[in-house]
């Protein structure tokens, strides 16, 4: 068999460009510079006692006294040494540490997903850049939400695995879906995995309708069966962390109030358990925050945004040098910046709903309609 480089290089060149562009963009990382991430700094302090114990004894400490009145280390520093998917995750980022490694892995995964959907390599490359370099991803990294960023970056391979299974590529689909979902769950951000699962449920329903019309229910059932088995295996890879956290939850504020301020308050306490609604929802985006995903700065910038000394606000407050000011006025308590995805990406998405053929677009259209139903329902309340 003759190897024709001319047929391969249009697919490999975009991969090379993804790597090179990320290395150039994140060059300060390779020069030894580090972003001061708020959550990461707190994590270092929380895990210090457990990390010191690990370095001294080589064993894991499952309890630390450096947080609150003492707590398990399941969600702080305990390592899952037997979860071998960590090695796969490193290979996806080509062994490059964060942040460049995160973005390389995410863009490569999205690039492959676009190819699977039948998009040509160069448009797939554009999609990968739009996906990776969206403002929200940089905001998440700056805040130190590394687990959330990894969960987002591994979402495309999960979707790719599902599509392969429904296209009857069972072995490849099972491998891609199982490994990607395992890494996604291992990132330890259940909220993002939950949102991804909701999106997959809609896709499954659409595929079910398609299978009924084409009389291919046996193929659909086989894909669902494989998906279920791989989901169990993916959960099993992180079982040590998930199960211990599940057991611990009942003794936290998420399992119900353990302590009451008084006997009277205890008698009147809500017996339903879980977090209070206002506390649980305080970091949920409002209508303005959702609009900010495609309308630049509709709710301002960040809670501590750097402004030029020549800006209008600087002149109004008498500042002549660069300074920080709270320019955000959305629904969140505070933020490094709204989750802006890009008006160009949004426009291309809407355009694609009209010009692109295929079944997958109906899944995307449903998600799009759900977003606007949310906006419409919330606007009516005002």
Protein backbone atom coordinates (compact mmCIF):
# COMPACT_ATOMS: atom_id res chain seq x y z
CA UNK A 1 0.00 0.00 0.00
CA UNK A 2 1.45 3.35 -1.06
CA UNK A 3 1.32 6.16 1.47
CA UNK A 4 0.10 9.36 -0.19
CA UNK A 5 1.27 12.34 1.88
CA UNK A 6 -0.85 14.68 -0.25
CA UNK A 7 -4.01 13.08 1.13
CA UNK A 8 -2.83 13.23 4.73
CA UNK A 9 -1.20 16.62 5.14
CA UNK A 10 -4.46 18.66 4.83
CA UNK A 11 -5.54 16.89 8.04
CA UNK A 12 -2.19 16.93 9.84
CA UNK A 13 -1.29 20.54 9.08
CA UNK A 14 -4.21 21.92 11.15
CA UNK A 15 -3.07 19.71 14.05
CA UNK A 16 0.40 21.22 13.80
CA UNK A 17 -1.07 24.72 13.65
CA UNK A 18 -3.12 24.09 16.80
CA UNK A 19 0.04 23.07 18.66
CA UNK A 20 2.19 25.92 17.33
CA UNK A 21 -0.43 28.64 17.92
CA UNK A 22 -0.95 27.50 21.51
CA UNK A 23 2.78 27.39 22.21
CA UNK A 24 3.19 30.92 20.84
CA UNK A 25 0.13 32.25 22.68
CA UNK A 26 1.17 30.69 25.98
CA UNK A 27 4.88 31.46 25.56
CA UNK A 28 5.05 33.07 29.04
CA UNK A 29 4.27 29.62 30.46
CA UNK A 30 7.33 28.16 28.75
CA UNK A 31 9.39 31.04 30.11
CA UNK A 32 8.55 29.94 33.64
CA UNK A 33 5.80 32.47 34.36
CA UNK A 34 2.72 31.38 36.31
CA UNK A 35 -0.79 32.83 36.39
CA UNK A 36 -1.92 33.76 39.91
CA UNK A 37 -5.17 31.79 40.09
CA UNK A 38 -7.38 32.62 43.06
CA UNK A 39 -8.85 29.14 43.62
CA UNK A 40 -5.47 27.49 43.08
CA UNK A 41 -3.85 29.67 45.72
CA UNK A 42 -6.59 28.66 48.16
CA UNK A 43 -6.14 25.01 47.18
CA UNK A 44 -2.42 25.16 47.98
CA UNK A 45 -3.23 26.40 51.48
CA UNK A 46 -6.00 23.85 52.04
CA UNK A 47 -3.91 20.89 50.91
CA UNK A 48 -0.59 21.91 52.53
CA UNK A 49 -0.86 19.56 55.51
CA UNK A 50 -1.85 16.55 53.39
CA UNK A 51 0.80 17.27 50.75
CA UNK A 52 3.52 17.57 53.40
CA UNK A 53 2.43 14.24 54.89
CA UNK A 54 2.54 12.57 51.44
CA UNK A 55 6.04 13.88 50.74
CA UNK A 56 7.27 12.76 54.16
CA UNK A 57 5.72 9.29 54.32
CA UNK A 58 4.72 8.42 50.75
CA UNK A 59 1.19 7.70 52.00
CA UNK A 60 -2.11 9.50 51.49
CA UNK A 61 -3.68 11.37 54.40
CA UNK A 62 -7.46 11.04 54.23
CA UNK A 63 -8.08 13.75 56.83
CA UNK A 64 -6.73 17.25 57.32
CA UNK A 65 -7.09 19.75 60.15
CA UNK A 66 -6.15 22.73 57.97
CA UNK A 67 -9.69 23.21 56.60
CA UNK A 68 -12.63 24.32 58.76
CA UNK A 69 -12.72 22.19 61.94
CA UNK A 70 -11.14 19.30 60.05
CA UNK A 71 -12.41 17.42 57.00
CA UNK A 72 -11.60 14.54 54.60
CA UNK A 73 -9.14 15.20 51.80
CA UNK A 74 -11.27 13.49 49.12
CA UNK A 75 -11.94 16.78 47.33
CA UNK A 76 -8.73 18.57 48.34
CA UNK A 77 -5.58 16.61 47.61
CA UNK A 78 -6.09 12.84 47.76
CA UNK A 79 -4.75 11.23 44.57
CA UNK A 80 -6.40 8.34 42.71
CA UNK A 81 -3.23 6.46 41.81
CA UNK A 82 -5.11 3.54 40.28
CA UNK A 83 -7.04 5.67 37.79
CA UNK A 84 -4.87 5.04 34.74
CA UNK A 85 -6.88 7.49 32.65
CA UNK A 86 -4.58 10.21 34.00
CA UNK A 87 -1.94 8.92 31.58
CA UNK A 88 -4.37 9.17 28.67
CA UNK A 89 -5.25 12.70 29.72
CA UNK A 90 -1.55 13.65 29.67
CA UNK A 91 -1.13 12.16 26.22
CA UNK A 92 -4.11 14.20 24.92
CA UNK A 93 -2.29 17.36 25.99
CA UNK A 94 0.95 15.99 24.48
CA UNK A 95 2.54 15.97 27.93
CA UNK A 96 2.37 19.78 28.11
CA UNK A 97 1.25 21.20 31.44
CA UNK A 98 -1.48 23.78 31.92
CA UNK A 99 -2.61 26.12 30.57
CA UNK A 100 -1.25 25.31 27.09
CA UNK A 101 -1.86 21.58 27.56
CA UNK A 102 -5.51 22.14 28.45
CA UNK A 103 -6.16 24.23 25.35
CA UNK A 104 -4.23 21.92 23.01
CA UNK A 105 -6.22 18.91 24.20
CA UNK A 106 -9.52 20.77 23.94
CA UNK A 107 -8.85 22.12 20.46
CA UNK A 108 -7.61 18.78 19.12
CA UNK A 109 -10.71 17.06 20.48
CA UNK A 110 -13.00 19.65 18.91
CA UNK A 111 -11.08 19.46 15.62
CA UNK A 112 -11.62 15.70 15.45
CA UNK A 113 -15.31 16.14 16.29
CA UNK A 114 -15.71 18.61 13.41
CA UNK A 115 -14.02 16.16 11.02
CA UNK A 116 -16.39 13.44 12.21
CA UNK A 117 -19.34 15.71 11.40
CA UNK A 118 -18.08 15.99 7.81
CA UNK A 119 -16.57 19.48 8.05
CA UNK A 120 -13.46 20.07 5.94
CA UNK A 121 -10.12 20.33 7.82
CA UNK A 122 -9.72 24.11 7.55
CA UNK A 123 -13.22 24.93 8.76
CA UNK A 124 -12.66 22.33 11.49
CA UNK A 125 -9.51 24.21 12.46
CA UNK A 126 -11.50 27.47 12.64
CA UNK A 127 -14.07 25.75 14.85
CA UNK A 128 -11.31 24.44 17.12
CA UNK A 129 -9.89 27.94 17.57
CA UNK A 130 -13.33 29.43 18.23
CA UNK A 131 -14.00 26.70 20.79
CA UNK A 132 -10.65 26.91 22.55
CA UNK A 133 -9.97 30.63 22.53
CA UNK A 134 -13.39 31.72 23.74
CA UNK A 135 -13.22 34.35 26.47
CA UNK A 136 -14.98 32.13 28.98
CA UNK A 137 -12.15 29.57 28.95
CA UNK A 138 -9.57 32.21 29.84
CA UNK A 139 -11.82 33.58 32.57
CA UNK A 140 -12.17 30.10 34.07
CA UNK A 141 -8.42 29.50 34.04
CA UNK A 142 -7.63 32.90 35.54
CA UNK A 143 -10.02 32.15 38.40
CA UNK A 144 -8.41 28.75 38.99
CA UNK A 145 -11.41 26.67 37.88
CA UNK A 146 -9.11 24.06 36.38
CA UNK A 147 -11.42 21.08 36.88
CA UNK A 148 -14.27 22.90 35.14
CA UNK A 149 -12.00 23.81 32.24
CA UNK A 150 -10.85 20.19 31.82
CA UNK A 151 -14.47 19.00 31.86
CA UNK A 152 -15.31 21.50 29.11
CA UNK A 153 -12.26 20.63 27.03
CA UNK A 154 -13.07 16.89 27.12
CA UNK A 155 -16.71 17.34 26.15
CA UNK A 156 -16.08 17.18 22.38
CA UNK A 157 -14.54 13.65 22.44
CA UNK A 158 -17.49 12.44 24.53
CA UNK A 159 -19.89 13.74 21.86
CA UNK A 160 -17.69 12.21 19.15
CA UNK A 161 -17.89 8.82 20.85
CA UNK A 162 -21.70 9.01 21.03
CA UNK A 163 -21.94 9.89 17.34
CA UNK A 164 -19.63 7.01 16.39
CA UNK A 165 -21.80 4.57 18.31
CA UNK A 166 -24.95 5.76 16.56
CA UNK A 167 -23.12 5.42 13.25
CA UNK A 168 -22.51 1.75 14.10
CA UNK A 169 -18.75 2.20 14.66
CA UNK A 170 -19.12 0.22 17.85
CA UNK A 171 -15.53 -0.62 18.81
CA UNK A 172 -14.10 2.80 18.01
CA UNK A 173 -17.12 4.57 19.48
CA UNK A 174 -16.93 2.55 22.69
CA UNK A 175 -13.23 3.33 23.12
CA UNK A 176 -13.58 7.06 22.40
CA UNK A 177 -16.73 7.50 24.49
CA UNK A 178 -15.53 5.44 27.44
CA UNK A 179 -12.08 7.02 27.70
CA UNK A 180 -13.32 10.59 27.13
CA UNK A 181 -16.16 10.22 29.63
CA UNK A 182 -13.78 8.68 32.15
CA UNK A 183 -11.46 11.67 31.86
CA UNK A 184 -14.42 14.05 32.00
CA UNK A 185 -15.69 12.47 35.22
CA UNK A 186 -12.14 12.29 36.58
CA UNK A 187 -11.84 16.05 36.17
CA UNK A 188 -14.11 16.10 39.23
CA UNK A 189 -16.58 18.75 38.18
CA UNK A 190 -19.92 16.88 38.33
CA UNK A 191 -21.90 20.00 37.42
CA UNK A 192 -20.33 20.23 33.95
CA UNK A 193 -20.62 16.46 33.42
CA UNK A 194 -24.30 16.75 34.39
CA UNK A 195 -24.90 19.52 31.84
CA UNK A 196 -23.14 17.44 29.17
CA UNK A 197 -25.37 14.48 30.07
CA UNK A 198 -28.48 16.64 29.61
CA UNK A 199 -27.28 17.57 26.12
CA UNK A 200 -26.64 13.89 25.35
CA UNK A 201 -30.16 12.94 26.45
CA UNK A 202 -31.59 15.29 23.79
CA UNK A 203 -29.26 13.75 21.18
CA UNK A 204 -30.35 10.23 22.19
CA UNK A 205 -34.03 11.17 21.81
CA UNK A 206 -33.37 12.54 18.31
CA UNK A 207 -31.48 9.37 17.38
CA UNK A 208 -34.34 7.27 18.75
CA UNK A 209 -36.84 9.05 16.51
CA UNK A 210 -34.49 8.58 13.55
CA UNK A 211 -34.10 4.86 14.33
CA UNK A 212 -37.86 4.36 14.51
CA UNK A 213 -38.33 6.06 11.15
CA UNK A 214 -35.55 4.03 9.51
CA UNK A 215 -36.53 0.82 11.34
CA UNK A 216 -33.08 0.44 12.93
CA UNK A 217 -34.08 -0.01 16.55
CA UNK A 218 -31.70 -2.94 16.98
CA UNK A 219 -28.72 -0.73 16.09
CA UNK A 220 -30.00 1.98 18.42
CA UNK A 221 -30.39 -0.53 21.25
CA UNK A 222 -26.88 -1.85 20.69
CA UNK A 223 -25.43 1.69 20.80
CA UNK A 224 -27.34 2.47 24.01
CA UNK A 225 -26.19 -0.81 25.57
CA UNK A 226 -22.54 -0.10 24.78
CA UNK A 227 -22.94 3.47 26.01
CA UNK A 228 -24.38 2.24 29.29
CA UNK A 229 -21.57 -0.26 29.87
CA UNK A 230 -18.88 2.31 29.08
CA UNK A 231 -20.58 4.85 31.35
CA UNK A 232 -20.42 2.39 34.25
CA UNK A 233 -16.74 1.74 33.54
CA UNK A 234 -16.05 5.48 33.32
CA UNK A 235 -17.75 6.00 36.68
CA UNK A 236 -15.83 3.07 38.11
CA UNK A 237 -12.50 4.66 37.22
CA UNK A 238 -13.27 7.48 39.69
CA UNK A 239 -15.31 5.39 42.12
CA UNK A 240 -12.93 5.90 45.05
CA UNK A 241 -13.47 9.66 44.95
CA UNK A 242 -17.15 9.61 43.98
CA UNK A 243 -18.24 7.07 46.58
CA UNK A 244 -16.32 8.56 49.49
CA UNK A 245 -17.70 11.99 48.60
CA UNK A 246 -21.22 10.55 48.43
CA UNK A 247 -20.81 9.08 51.90
CA UNK A 248 -19.38 12.32 53.26
CA UNK A 249 -22.16 14.49 51.76
CA UNK A 250 -24.71 13.59 54.44
CA UNK A 251 -22.46 15.20 57.07
CA UNK A 252 -22.11 18.48 55.15
CA UNK A 253 -24.45 21.38 54.52
CA UNK A 254 -25.34 19.74 51.20
CA UNK A 255 -26.81 16.79 53.07
CA UNK A 256 -28.87 18.99 55.40
CA UNK A 257 -28.19 21.20 58.38
CA UNK A 258 -26.11 19.34 60.96
CA UNK A 259 -26.08 22.13 63.57
CA UNK A 260 -28.96 24.44 64.48
CA UNK A 261 -28.59 27.84 66.16
CA UNK A 262 -31.20 27.03 68.81
CA UNK A 263 -33.72 24.41 69.88
CA UNK A 264 -36.54 26.55 68.50
CA UNK A 265 -34.79 26.91 65.15
CA UNK A 266 -34.17 23.17 65.09
CA UNK A 267 -37.88 22.49 65.58
CA UNK A 268 -38.74 24.82 62.69
CA UNK A 269 -35.92 23.66 60.39
CA UNK A 270 -36.63 22.51 56.86
CA UNK A 271 -36.51 18.71 56.86
CA UNK A 272 -36.00 18.40 53.11
CA UNK A 273 -32.22 18.55 53.35
CA UNK A 274 -29.79 19.94 50.83
CA UNK A 275 -28.70 23.52 50.29
CA UNK A 276 -31.00 26.51 50.59
CA UNK A 277 -32.20 27.62 47.16
CA UNK A 278 -30.69 31.12 47.28
CA UNK A 279 -27.30 29.77 48.35
CA UNK A 280 -27.27 27.03 45.70
CA UNK A 281 -28.34 29.40 42.90
CA UNK A 282 -26.25 32.46 43.75
CA UNK A 283 -23.70 31.63 41.03
CA UNK A 284 -26.32 30.94 38.36
CA UNK A 285 -26.28 33.24 35.34
CA UNK A 286 -29.07 35.76 34.99
CA UNK A 287 -30.69 36.85 31.73
CA UNK A 288 -28.07 39.55 31.19
CA UNK A 289 -25.24 37.07 31.77
CA UNK A 290 -26.67 34.73 29.14
CA UNK A 291 -27.01 37.60 26.67
CA UNK A 292 -23.38 38.45 27.41
CA UNK A 293 -22.34 35.17 25.80
CA UNK A 294 -22.89 36.76 22.39
CA UNK A 295 -23.29 40.51 23.12
CA UNK A 296 -19.95 41.95 24.28
CA UNK A 297 -20.05 43.57 27.73
CA UNK A 298 -23.84 43.83 27.92
CA UNK A 299 -23.39 43.41 31.69
CA UNK A 300 -20.01 45.10 31.85
CA UNK A 301 -16.60 43.54 32.31
CA UNK A 302 -15.04 42.04 35.43
CA UNK A 303 -15.47 42.79 39.11
CA UNK A 304 -11.87 43.98 39.21
CA UNK A 305 -11.09 44.96 35.63
CA UNK A 306 -7.94 46.86 34.76
CA UNK A 307 -8.72 50.15 33.04
CA UNK A 308 -6.44 52.50 31.19
CA UNK A 309 -5.65 55.85 32.78
CA UNK A 310 -7.07 57.52 29.67
CA UNK A 311 -10.48 55.81 29.92
CA UNK A 312 -13.67 57.77 30.55
CA UNK A 313 -14.01 56.27 34.03
CA UNK A 314 -10.42 57.21 34.86
CA UNK A 315 -11.14 60.81 33.93
CA UNK A 316 -14.37 60.77 35.91
CA UNK A 317 -12.67 59.58 39.12
CA UNK A 318 -9.46 61.54 38.61
CA UNK A 319 -7.16 58.60 37.82
CA UNK A 320 -4.21 59.13 35.48
CA UNK A 321 -2.67 55.64 35.70
CA UNK A 322 -4.01 52.16 35.05
CA UNK A 323 -6.27 51.02 37.87
CA UNK A 324 -8.77 48.30 38.81
CA UNK A 325 -12.48 49.01 39.03
CA UNK A 326 -15.68 46.93 39.32
CA UNK A 327 -17.24 47.23 35.86
CA UNK A 328 -19.49 44.15 36.12
CA UNK A 329 -23.20 44.66 36.90
CA UNK A 330 -24.71 41.24 36.15
CA UNK A 331 -26.43 38.73 38.45
CA UNK A 332 -23.36 36.96 39.84
CA UNK A 333 -21.82 38.01 43.19
CA UNK A 334 -18.59 38.79 41.33
CA UNK A 335 -16.68 37.50 38.31
CA UNK A 336 -13.46 37.91 36.36
CA UNK A 337 -15.59 38.55 33.30
CA UNK A 338 -18.82 37.41 31.56
CA UNK A 339 -18.85 34.12 29.65
CA UNK A 340 -18.50 35.67 26.18
CA UNK A 341 -18.33 33.07 23.40
CA UNK A 342 -18.00 35.43 20.46
CA UNK A 343 -20.54 37.12 18.23
CA UNK A 344 -18.86 35.67 15.12
CA UNK A 345 -19.14 32.12 16.46
CA UNK A 346 -22.76 32.79 17.37
CA UNK A 347 -23.51 34.13 13.88
CA UNK A 348 -21.86 31.14 12.19
CA UNK A 349 -23.84 28.80 14.45
CA UNK A 350 -27.17 30.39 13.51
CA UNK A 351 -26.18 30.43 9.82
CA UNK A 352 -25.29 26.74 10.05
CA UNK A 353 -28.78 25.88 11.28
CA UNK A 354 -30.10 27.03 7.90
CA UNK A 355 -27.41 25.90 5.45
CA UNK A 356 -25.99 22.70 6.96
CA UNK A 357 -27.69 19.41 6.14
CA UNK A 358 -27.86 16.41 8.46
CA UNK A 359 -29.49 15.17 11.64
CA UNK A 360 -27.01 16.57 14.14
CA UNK A 361 -28.07 20.13 13.41
CA UNK A 362 -31.54 19.37 14.80
CA UNK A 363 -29.89 18.48 18.09
CA UNK A 364 -28.03 21.80 18.05
CA UNK A 365 -31.25 23.60 17.09
CA UNK A 366 -33.02 22.07 20.09
CA UNK A 367 -30.28 23.29 22.43
CA UNK A 368 -30.50 26.71 20.79
CA UNK A 369 -34.28 26.84 21.29
CA UNK A 370 -33.87 25.78 24.93
CA UNK A 371 -31.51 28.71 25.49
CA UNK A 372 -33.98 31.21 24.07
CA UNK A 373 -36.87 29.65 25.94
CA UNK A 374 -34.87 30.29 29.12
CA UNK A 375 -34.33 33.92 28.11
CA UNK A 376 -37.97 34.38 27.10
CA UNK A 377 -39.32 32.81 30.31
CA UNK A 378 -37.07 34.92 32.52
CA UNK A 379 -37.73 38.16 30.66
CA UNK A 380 -41.48 37.61 31.09
CA UNK A 381 -41.00 37.52 34.86
CA UNK A 382 -39.79 41.10 34.70
